[in-house]
N, C-alpha and C. Protein backbone atom coordinates (compact mmCIF):
# COMPACT_ATOMS: atom_id res chain seq x y z
N ALA A 1 4.41 -34.46 4.68
CA ALA A 1 4.64 -32.99 4.47
C ALA A 1 6.10 -32.70 4.65
N ASP A 2 6.79 -33.31 5.59
CA ASP A 2 8.19 -32.99 5.74
C ASP A 2 9.02 -33.26 4.55
N VAL A 3 8.77 -34.43 3.87
CA VAL A 3 9.52 -34.75 2.67
C VAL A 3 9.31 -33.68 1.60
N VAL A 4 8.03 -33.31 1.42
CA VAL A 4 7.69 -32.32 0.35
C VAL A 4 8.35 -30.99 0.71
N TYR A 5 8.27 -30.56 2.02
CA TYR A 5 8.88 -29.28 2.41
C TYR A 5 10.33 -29.31 2.20
N ASN A 6 11.01 -30.41 2.62
CA ASN A 6 12.46 -30.47 2.49
C ASN A 6 12.97 -30.49 1.01
N ASN A 7 12.12 -31.16 0.16
CA ASN A 7 12.42 -31.21 -1.24
C ASN A 7 12.29 -29.85 -1.88
N ALA A 8 11.24 -29.12 -1.46
CA ALA A 8 11.06 -27.73 -2.01
C ALA A 8 12.26 -26.88 -1.62
N ILE A 9 12.76 -26.98 -0.46
CA ILE A 9 13.90 -26.20 0.00
C ILE A 9 15.13 -26.67 -0.77
N LYS A 10 15.30 -27.91 -0.90
CA LYS A 10 16.50 -28.49 -1.54
C LYS A 10 16.57 -28.07 -3.04
N GLU A 11 15.39 -28.04 -3.70
CA GLU A 11 15.32 -27.73 -5.12
C GLU A 11 15.19 -26.24 -5.40
N LEU A 12 15.36 -25.40 -4.38
CA LEU A 12 15.19 -23.99 -4.53
C LEU A 12 16.19 -23.34 -5.45
N PRO A 13 15.77 -22.63 -6.51
CA PRO A 13 16.71 -22.02 -7.39
C PRO A 13 17.28 -20.72 -6.78
N ALA A 14 18.39 -20.31 -7.34
CA ALA A 14 19.02 -19.10 -6.83
C ALA A 14 18.32 -17.80 -7.36
N GLN A 15 17.09 -17.64 -6.98
CA GLN A 15 16.28 -16.53 -7.40
C GLN A 15 15.62 -15.90 -6.18
N GLU A 16 15.89 -14.65 -5.92
CA GLU A 16 15.42 -13.95 -4.75
C GLU A 16 13.88 -14.05 -4.56
N ASN A 17 13.13 -13.81 -5.69
CA ASN A 17 11.63 -13.84 -5.61
C ASN A 17 11.17 -15.29 -5.27
N THR A 18 11.79 -16.27 -5.78
CA THR A 18 11.31 -17.63 -5.54
C THR A 18 11.60 -17.97 -4.06
N VAL A 19 12.69 -17.54 -3.56
CA VAL A 19 13.04 -17.77 -2.08
C VAL A 19 11.94 -17.17 -1.27
N ARG A 20 11.56 -15.89 -1.67
CA ARG A 20 10.52 -15.16 -0.83
C ARG A 20 9.19 -15.87 -0.96
N GLU A 21 8.78 -16.33 -2.11
CA GLU A 21 7.54 -17.07 -2.34
C GLU A 21 7.49 -18.30 -1.44
N LEU A 22 8.54 -19.08 -1.40
CA LEU A 22 8.56 -20.26 -0.53
C LEU A 22 8.51 -19.89 0.91
N TYR A 23 9.25 -18.87 1.25
CA TYR A 23 9.21 -18.33 2.62
C TYR A 23 7.81 -17.97 3.03
N ASN A 24 7.13 -17.21 2.18
CA ASN A 24 5.80 -16.72 2.46
C ASN A 24 4.76 -17.91 2.59
N ALA A 25 5.00 -18.98 1.76
CA ALA A 25 4.16 -20.19 1.89
C ALA A 25 4.34 -20.82 3.22
N PHE A 26 5.56 -20.94 3.67
CA PHE A 26 5.78 -21.52 5.03
C PHE A 26 5.25 -20.68 6.17
N ILE A 27 5.41 -19.36 6.01
CA ILE A 27 4.85 -18.43 7.02
C ILE A 27 3.28 -18.61 7.10
N ALA A 28 2.66 -18.69 5.96
CA ALA A 28 1.24 -18.85 5.88
C ALA A 28 0.77 -20.11 6.65
N LYS A 29 1.62 -21.16 6.58
CA LYS A 29 1.29 -22.41 7.23
C LYS A 29 1.84 -22.46 8.67
N LYS A 30 2.45 -21.36 9.08
CA LYS A 30 3.08 -21.29 10.44
C LYS A 30 4.18 -22.32 10.63
N GLN A 31 4.84 -22.58 9.55
CA GLN A 31 6.00 -23.52 9.56
C GLN A 31 7.30 -22.66 9.68
N TYR A 32 7.54 -22.11 10.82
CA TYR A 32 8.61 -21.13 11.00
C TYR A 32 10.03 -21.76 10.82
N SER A 33 10.19 -23.00 11.22
CA SER A 33 11.51 -23.56 11.06
C SER A 33 11.85 -23.81 9.59
N TYR A 34 10.88 -24.16 8.83
CA TYR A 34 11.06 -24.38 7.35
C TYR A 34 11.27 -22.99 6.75
N ALA A 35 10.58 -21.95 7.15
CA ALA A 35 10.76 -20.61 6.66
C ALA A 35 12.19 -20.13 6.92
N ILE A 36 12.70 -20.39 8.09
CA ILE A 36 14.09 -20.09 8.42
C ILE A 36 15.05 -20.83 7.53
N THR A 37 14.88 -22.10 7.38
CA THR A 37 15.70 -22.91 6.54
C THR A 37 15.70 -22.40 5.12
N THR A 38 14.51 -21.98 4.63
CA THR A 38 14.39 -21.43 3.30
C THR A 38 15.29 -20.20 3.09
N ILE A 39 15.22 -19.26 4.07
CA ILE A 39 16.03 -18.06 3.98
C ILE A 39 17.48 -18.41 4.08
N GLU A 40 17.86 -19.29 4.96
CA GLU A 40 19.28 -19.64 5.06
C GLU A 40 19.81 -20.25 3.76
N ARG A 41 19.00 -21.08 3.13
CA ARG A 41 19.39 -21.75 1.86
C ARG A 41 19.42 -20.71 0.77
N GLY A 42 18.47 -19.74 0.76
CA GLY A 42 18.47 -18.68 -0.23
C GLY A 42 19.70 -17.77 -0.13
N ARG A 43 20.07 -17.52 1.12
CA ARG A 43 21.27 -16.66 1.33
C ARG A 43 22.54 -17.38 0.81
N LYS A 44 22.54 -18.68 1.03
CA LYS A 44 23.69 -19.46 0.61
C LYS A 44 23.73 -19.51 -0.90
N LEU A 45 22.60 -19.76 -1.56
CA LEU A 45 22.50 -19.84 -3.01
C LEU A 45 22.91 -18.46 -3.63
N LEU A 46 22.42 -17.37 -3.03
CA LEU A 46 22.67 -16.07 -3.60
C LEU A 46 23.93 -15.43 -3.07
N ASN A 47 24.58 -16.18 -2.12
CA ASN A 47 25.92 -15.72 -1.60
C ASN A 47 25.83 -14.29 -0.97
N ASN A 48 24.74 -14.08 -0.14
CA ASN A 48 24.64 -12.76 0.45
C ASN A 48 23.84 -12.87 1.74
N ASN A 49 24.57 -12.73 2.85
CA ASN A 49 23.99 -12.86 4.18
C ASN A 49 23.17 -11.62 4.59
N GLN A 50 23.24 -10.53 3.80
CA GLN A 50 22.47 -9.38 4.13
C GLN A 50 21.09 -9.37 3.48
N LEU A 51 20.76 -10.39 2.68
CA LEU A 51 19.44 -10.52 2.10
C LEU A 51 18.48 -11.07 3.12
N PHE A 52 17.22 -10.72 2.95
CA PHE A 52 16.08 -11.31 3.71
C PHE A 52 16.16 -10.97 5.23
N VAL A 53 16.81 -9.88 5.60
CA VAL A 53 16.83 -9.52 7.05
C VAL A 53 15.48 -9.19 7.58
N THR A 54 14.64 -8.52 6.81
CA THR A 54 13.30 -8.20 7.27
C THR A 54 12.51 -9.47 7.54
N GLU A 55 12.58 -10.42 6.57
CA GLU A 55 11.87 -11.68 6.77
C GLU A 55 12.34 -12.41 8.05
N MET A 56 13.67 -12.46 8.25
CA MET A 56 14.15 -13.20 9.37
C MET A 56 13.80 -12.44 10.70
N THR A 57 13.92 -11.18 10.72
CA THR A 57 13.56 -10.45 11.97
C THR A 57 12.11 -10.67 12.32
N ASN A 58 11.24 -10.67 11.27
CA ASN A 58 9.82 -10.96 11.51
C ASN A 58 9.56 -12.27 12.11
N ILE A 59 10.20 -13.34 11.60
CA ILE A 59 10.08 -14.67 12.17
C ILE A 59 10.53 -14.68 13.66
N TYR A 60 11.67 -14.08 13.87
CA TYR A 60 12.22 -14.10 15.23
C TYR A 60 11.39 -13.31 16.28
N ILE A 61 10.76 -12.23 15.75
CA ILE A 61 9.86 -11.46 16.63
C ILE A 61 8.66 -12.30 16.92
N GLN A 62 8.12 -12.99 15.92
CA GLN A 62 6.91 -13.83 16.12
C GLN A 62 7.22 -14.97 17.08
N THR A 63 8.45 -15.46 17.07
CA THR A 63 8.82 -16.59 17.95
C THR A 63 9.55 -16.22 19.22
N ASN A 64 9.49 -14.88 19.52
CA ASN A 64 10.11 -14.32 20.73
C ASN A 64 11.58 -14.64 20.86
N ARG A 65 12.31 -14.52 19.80
CA ARG A 65 13.75 -14.73 19.83
C ARG A 65 14.47 -13.37 19.69
N SER A 66 14.48 -12.57 20.70
CA SER A 66 15.02 -11.29 20.71
C SER A 66 16.50 -11.24 20.30
N ASP A 67 17.27 -12.25 20.82
CA ASP A 67 18.62 -12.28 20.55
C ASP A 67 18.94 -12.47 19.03
N MET A 68 18.06 -13.27 18.40
CA MET A 68 18.22 -13.49 16.98
C MET A 68 17.77 -12.34 16.13
N VAL A 69 16.78 -11.55 16.62
CA VAL A 69 16.38 -10.32 15.96
C VAL A 69 17.55 -9.40 15.84
N VAL A 70 18.25 -9.22 16.95
CA VAL A 70 19.43 -8.30 16.99
C VAL A 70 20.55 -8.87 16.13
N GLN A 71 20.83 -10.19 16.19
CA GLN A 71 21.84 -10.77 15.30
C GLN A 71 21.54 -10.50 13.84
N GLU A 72 20.30 -10.72 13.48
CA GLU A 72 19.88 -10.44 12.08
C GLU A 72 20.06 -9.00 11.73
N ALA A 73 19.65 -8.10 12.57
CA ALA A 73 19.80 -6.67 12.29
C ALA A 73 21.29 -6.34 12.14
N LEU A 74 22.11 -6.97 12.97
CA LEU A 74 23.56 -6.63 12.86
C LEU A 74 24.25 -7.19 11.59
N ASN A 75 23.55 -8.15 10.93
CA ASN A 75 24.03 -8.54 9.66
C ASN A 75 24.15 -7.46 8.72
N LEU A 76 23.32 -6.46 8.80
CA LEU A 76 23.27 -5.31 7.90
C LEU A 76 24.56 -4.44 7.97
N VAL A 77 25.18 -4.52 9.15
CA VAL A 77 26.45 -3.73 9.35
C VAL A 77 27.65 -4.56 9.65
N SER A 78 27.52 -5.88 9.35
CA SER A 78 28.62 -6.78 9.67
C SER A 78 29.89 -6.43 8.89
N ASP A 79 29.77 -5.78 7.80
CA ASP A 79 30.95 -5.38 6.97
C ASP A 79 31.60 -4.11 7.51
N GLY A 80 31.12 -3.53 8.62
CA GLY A 80 31.69 -2.38 9.17
C GLY A 80 31.16 -1.03 8.61
N GLY A 81 30.39 -1.12 7.58
CA GLY A 81 29.80 0.06 6.95
C GLY A 81 28.77 0.75 7.92
N GLN A 82 28.71 2.01 7.84
CA GLN A 82 27.79 2.80 8.69
C GLN A 82 26.46 3.23 8.01
N GLY A 83 26.40 2.98 6.76
CA GLY A 83 25.25 3.47 5.98
C GLY A 83 23.92 2.83 6.38
N ARG A 84 23.95 1.71 6.92
CA ARG A 84 22.69 1.02 7.21
C ARG A 84 22.35 1.01 8.73
N ILE A 85 23.12 1.85 9.47
CA ILE A 85 22.87 1.95 10.92
C ILE A 85 21.45 2.40 11.19
N PRO A 86 20.88 3.37 10.43
CA PRO A 86 19.50 3.84 10.77
C PRO A 86 18.50 2.62 10.60
N GLU A 87 18.73 1.75 9.63
CA GLU A 87 17.86 0.57 9.44
C GLU A 87 17.98 -0.36 10.63
N VAL A 88 19.16 -0.58 11.11
CA VAL A 88 19.34 -1.44 12.27
C VAL A 88 18.66 -0.79 13.53
N GLN A 89 18.79 0.52 13.63
CA GLN A 89 18.17 1.22 14.79
C GLN A 89 16.63 1.05 14.73
N ARG A 90 16.10 1.12 13.49
CA ARG A 90 14.58 0.99 13.32
C ARG A 90 14.20 -0.47 13.85
N ILE A 91 14.98 -1.43 13.40
CA ILE A 91 14.62 -2.82 13.75
C ILE A 91 14.69 -2.98 15.30
N ILE A 92 15.77 -2.45 15.91
CA ILE A 92 15.87 -2.54 17.35
C ILE A 92 14.76 -1.77 18.04
N GLN A 93 14.47 -0.60 17.57
CA GLN A 93 13.37 0.16 18.24
C GLN A 93 12.03 -0.55 18.05
N ASN A 94 11.77 -1.17 16.94
CA ASN A 94 10.49 -1.94 16.78
C ASN A 94 10.48 -3.11 17.80
N LEU A 95 11.67 -3.73 18.01
CA LEU A 95 11.73 -4.83 19.00
C LEU A 95 11.45 -4.30 20.39
N LEU A 96 12.04 -3.14 20.72
CA LEU A 96 11.96 -2.60 22.05
C LEU A 96 10.59 -1.93 22.33
N SER A 97 9.75 -1.70 21.33
CA SER A 97 8.48 -1.04 21.51
C SER A 97 7.56 -1.83 22.43
N SER A 98 7.75 -3.14 22.52
CA SER A 98 6.89 -3.96 23.43
C SER A 98 7.69 -4.63 24.48
N ASP A 99 8.44 -3.73 25.26
CA ASP A 99 9.39 -4.29 26.23
C ASP A 99 9.17 -3.63 27.62
N GLU A 100 8.06 -4.03 28.27
CA GLU A 100 7.72 -3.48 29.54
C GLU A 100 8.68 -3.84 30.65
N ASP A 101 9.22 -5.03 30.63
CA ASP A 101 10.06 -5.52 31.74
C ASP A 101 11.59 -5.33 31.46
N LYS A 102 11.90 -4.65 30.32
CA LYS A 102 13.31 -4.37 29.88
C LYS A 102 14.10 -5.60 29.65
N GLN A 103 13.44 -6.77 29.49
CA GLN A 103 14.15 -8.01 29.18
C GLN A 103 14.77 -7.93 27.80
N LYS A 104 14.01 -7.46 26.83
CA LYS A 104 14.53 -7.36 25.52
C LYS A 104 15.66 -6.32 25.39
N PHE A 105 15.52 -5.27 26.16
CA PHE A 105 16.55 -4.23 26.19
C PHE A 105 17.90 -4.88 26.70
N THR A 106 17.82 -5.65 27.72
CA THR A 106 19.02 -6.31 28.30
C THR A 106 19.66 -7.25 27.22
N THR A 107 18.75 -7.95 26.49
CA THR A 107 19.22 -8.84 25.44
C THR A 107 19.94 -8.03 24.32
N VAL A 108 19.31 -6.96 23.86
CA VAL A 108 19.92 -6.10 22.84
C VAL A 108 21.28 -5.63 23.27
N GLN A 109 21.38 -5.13 24.54
CA GLN A 109 22.60 -4.57 25.07
C GLN A 109 23.70 -5.71 25.15
N SER A 110 23.32 -6.88 25.59
CA SER A 110 24.34 -7.98 25.72
C SER A 110 24.82 -8.42 24.36
N VAL A 111 23.94 -8.55 23.39
CA VAL A 111 24.35 -8.97 22.05
C VAL A 111 25.27 -7.92 21.44
N LEU A 112 24.94 -6.68 21.57
CA LEU A 112 25.81 -5.58 21.11
C LEU A 112 27.17 -5.55 21.79
N GLN A 113 27.17 -5.75 23.05
CA GLN A 113 28.47 -5.76 23.81
C GLN A 113 29.34 -6.94 23.28
N ARG A 114 28.70 -8.08 23.14
CA ARG A 114 29.46 -9.29 22.66
C ARG A 114 29.93 -9.02 21.29
N SER A 115 29.16 -8.43 20.38
CA SER A 115 29.61 -8.20 19.04
C SER A 115 30.71 -7.21 18.98
N THR A 116 30.66 -6.19 19.82
CA THR A 116 31.71 -5.20 19.88
C THR A 116 33.05 -5.80 20.37
N GLN A 117 32.96 -6.68 21.33
CA GLN A 117 34.15 -7.33 21.84
C GLN A 117 34.75 -8.29 20.85
N GLU A 118 33.90 -9.01 20.11
CA GLU A 118 34.37 -10.01 19.13
C GLU A 118 34.84 -9.33 17.84
N ASN A 119 34.37 -8.14 17.56
CA ASN A 119 34.76 -7.45 16.36
C ASN A 119 35.16 -6.00 16.64
N PRO A 120 36.28 -5.80 17.34
CA PRO A 120 36.62 -4.47 17.77
C PRO A 120 36.87 -3.50 16.61
N SER A 121 37.16 -4.01 15.42
CA SER A 121 37.38 -3.07 14.28
C SER A 121 36.12 -2.60 13.67
N ASN A 122 34.92 -3.22 14.02
CA ASN A 122 33.67 -2.82 13.41
C ASN A 122 33.12 -1.58 14.20
N ILE A 123 33.31 -0.42 13.70
CA ILE A 123 32.88 0.80 14.35
C ILE A 123 31.33 0.86 14.49
N ALA A 124 30.67 0.29 13.51
CA ALA A 124 29.21 0.31 13.50
C ALA A 124 28.61 -0.28 14.78
N TYR A 125 29.16 -1.33 15.25
CA TYR A 125 28.73 -2.02 16.48
C TYR A 125 28.84 -1.08 17.67
N GLU A 126 30.00 -0.33 17.66
CA GLU A 126 30.22 0.62 18.84
C GLU A 126 29.20 1.75 18.71
N ILE A 127 28.94 2.28 17.53
CA ILE A 127 27.98 3.37 17.40
C ILE A 127 26.60 2.92 17.89
N LEU A 128 26.23 1.72 17.47
CA LEU A 128 24.92 1.14 17.98
C LEU A 128 24.94 0.94 19.47
N LEU A 129 25.97 0.44 20.05
CA LEU A 129 26.01 0.22 21.51
C LEU A 129 25.91 1.57 22.22
N GLN A 130 26.59 2.58 21.67
CA GLN A 130 26.51 3.89 22.27
C GLN A 130 25.04 4.40 22.21
N TRP A 131 24.43 4.23 21.13
CA TRP A 131 23.01 4.62 20.94
C TRP A 131 22.10 3.87 21.95
N VAL A 132 22.32 2.57 22.15
CA VAL A 132 21.55 1.79 23.10
C VAL A 132 21.80 2.30 24.56
N TYR A 133 23.02 2.61 24.90
CA TYR A 133 23.30 3.20 26.19
C TYR A 133 22.53 4.56 26.36
N GLN A 134 22.48 5.36 25.31
CA GLN A 134 21.79 6.59 25.36
C GLN A 134 20.29 6.37 25.54
N LEU A 135 19.75 5.35 24.88
CA LEU A 135 18.31 5.02 25.03
C LEU A 135 17.99 4.75 26.56
N ASP A 136 18.95 4.12 27.19
CA ASP A 136 18.79 3.70 28.57
C ASP A 136 19.22 4.84 29.52
N LYS A 137 19.61 6.00 28.97
CA LYS A 137 20.13 7.09 29.74
C LYS A 137 21.36 6.75 30.58
N ASN A 138 22.11 5.79 30.07
CA ASN A 138 23.35 5.36 30.73
C ASN A 138 24.46 6.23 30.09
N TYR A 139 24.59 7.39 30.56
CA TYR A 139 25.52 8.38 29.89
C TYR A 139 26.96 8.11 30.21
N ASP A 140 27.25 7.47 31.34
CA ASP A 140 28.61 7.16 31.69
C ASP A 140 29.26 6.21 30.66
N ASP A 141 28.52 5.11 30.41
CA ASP A 141 29.06 4.15 29.43
C ASP A 141 29.03 4.71 27.99
N ALA A 142 27.95 5.51 27.69
CA ALA A 142 27.83 6.13 26.41
C ALA A 142 29.04 7.11 26.15
N LEU A 143 29.43 7.83 27.24
CA LEU A 143 30.55 8.75 27.09
C LEU A 143 31.84 8.03 26.74
N LEU A 144 32.11 6.91 27.47
CA LEU A 144 33.28 6.14 27.18
C LEU A 144 33.31 5.73 25.68
N LEU A 145 32.19 5.26 25.17
CA LEU A 145 32.16 4.82 23.79
C LEU A 145 32.26 6.00 22.90
N ALA A 146 31.63 7.06 23.22
CA ALA A 146 31.65 8.29 22.32
C ALA A 146 33.08 8.81 22.15
N LYS A 147 33.83 8.78 23.19
CA LYS A 147 35.26 9.21 23.16
C LYS A 147 36.06 8.29 22.33
N ALA A 148 35.86 6.96 22.54
CA ALA A 148 36.60 5.97 21.78
C ALA A 148 36.29 6.05 20.26
N ILE A 149 34.98 6.22 19.96
CA ILE A 149 34.55 6.30 18.56
C ILE A 149 35.14 7.58 17.93
N ASP A 150 35.11 8.65 18.69
CA ASP A 150 35.65 9.88 18.18
C ASP A 150 37.11 9.77 17.86
N ARG A 151 37.87 9.09 18.71
CA ARG A 151 39.29 8.85 18.45
C ARG A 151 39.48 8.00 17.26
N LYS A 152 38.71 6.94 17.10
CA LYS A 152 38.88 6.00 15.98
C LYS A 152 38.56 6.69 14.64
N LEU A 153 37.56 7.56 14.69
CA LEU A 153 37.15 8.23 13.45
C LEU A 153 37.85 9.52 13.25
N LYS A 154 38.78 9.83 14.17
CA LYS A 154 39.55 11.04 14.11
C LYS A 154 38.58 12.29 14.06
N GLY A 155 37.58 12.19 14.89
CA GLY A 155 36.61 13.26 14.90
C GLY A 155 37.07 14.49 15.73
N ASP A 156 36.19 15.47 15.70
CA ASP A 156 36.58 16.72 16.38
C ASP A 156 35.83 16.97 17.64
N GLY A 157 35.28 15.86 18.23
CA GLY A 157 34.57 15.95 19.50
C GLY A 157 33.08 16.21 19.39
N GLN A 158 32.60 16.23 18.16
CA GLN A 158 31.15 16.47 17.98
C GLN A 158 30.26 15.39 18.62
N ARG A 159 30.72 14.14 18.54
CA ARG A 159 29.96 13.04 19.13
C ARG A 159 29.89 13.24 20.68
N VAL A 160 31.01 13.60 21.28
CA VAL A 160 31.00 13.77 22.75
C VAL A 160 30.17 14.96 23.11
N PHE A 161 30.32 16.08 22.29
CA PHE A 161 29.55 17.27 22.61
C PHE A 161 28.06 17.02 22.45
N ALA A 162 27.59 16.33 21.47
CA ALA A 162 26.20 15.96 21.30
C ALA A 162 25.66 15.16 22.49
N LEU A 163 26.47 14.19 22.92
CA LEU A 163 26.10 13.36 24.02
C LEU A 163 25.96 14.22 25.28
N ALA A 164 26.93 15.16 25.49
CA ALA A 164 26.89 16.04 26.67
C ALA A 164 25.63 16.88 26.65
N ASN A 165 25.27 17.40 25.50
CA ASN A 165 24.03 18.17 25.34
C ASN A 165 22.80 17.30 25.72
N GLU A 166 22.76 16.11 25.23
CA GLU A 166 21.60 15.24 25.50
C GLU A 166 21.57 14.92 27.00
N ALA A 167 22.62 14.67 27.60
CA ALA A 167 22.69 14.35 29.01
C ALA A 167 22.25 15.62 29.80
N SER A 168 22.69 16.72 29.38
CA SER A 168 22.27 17.98 30.09
C SER A 168 20.84 18.25 29.98
N ASN A 169 20.29 18.06 28.80
CA ASN A 169 18.86 18.19 28.57
C ASN A 169 18.00 17.23 29.37
N ASN A 170 18.59 16.12 29.71
CA ASN A 170 17.87 15.07 30.51
C ASN A 170 18.26 15.17 32.03
N LYS A 171 18.86 16.32 32.39
CA LYS A 171 19.27 16.59 33.79
C LYS A 171 20.15 15.52 34.34
N ALA A 172 21.03 14.95 33.44
CA ALA A 172 21.99 13.93 33.96
C ALA A 172 23.41 14.55 34.11
């Protein structure tokens, strides 16, 4: 089976639908490592790391790899664009929906902190980290980021004002 699976991945054409079909075949057989390899090969063939994020996050959720779910979600904004931030937030919220012991939350926060430090010019990472701090009602750290983001974007203080309102509404 390994030889057949590897050959199927090796001979994969640069076609998005074919990559998805092979991925789905591996998922049906619970062959997650082959499904991941299929997606990685498909991204390389199609020269686009932002493809197949939903598929990869699903695999990582099924295999309890919270850190990789966040990494995959961050691929959507790795170019610094802010347009896909809501999509990233949806993925992270879905991950956190089953997080009673806050272990996944801690993972999300640390991956975002590391990404922000490694890519200080990517404002999308900072916006997402501020949002995560707000989810945790950590308004002190959220305020530091809100001020920094506002300065970088040459804003008029709306971000800081909105955060202050939220903190006030939550009696913080």
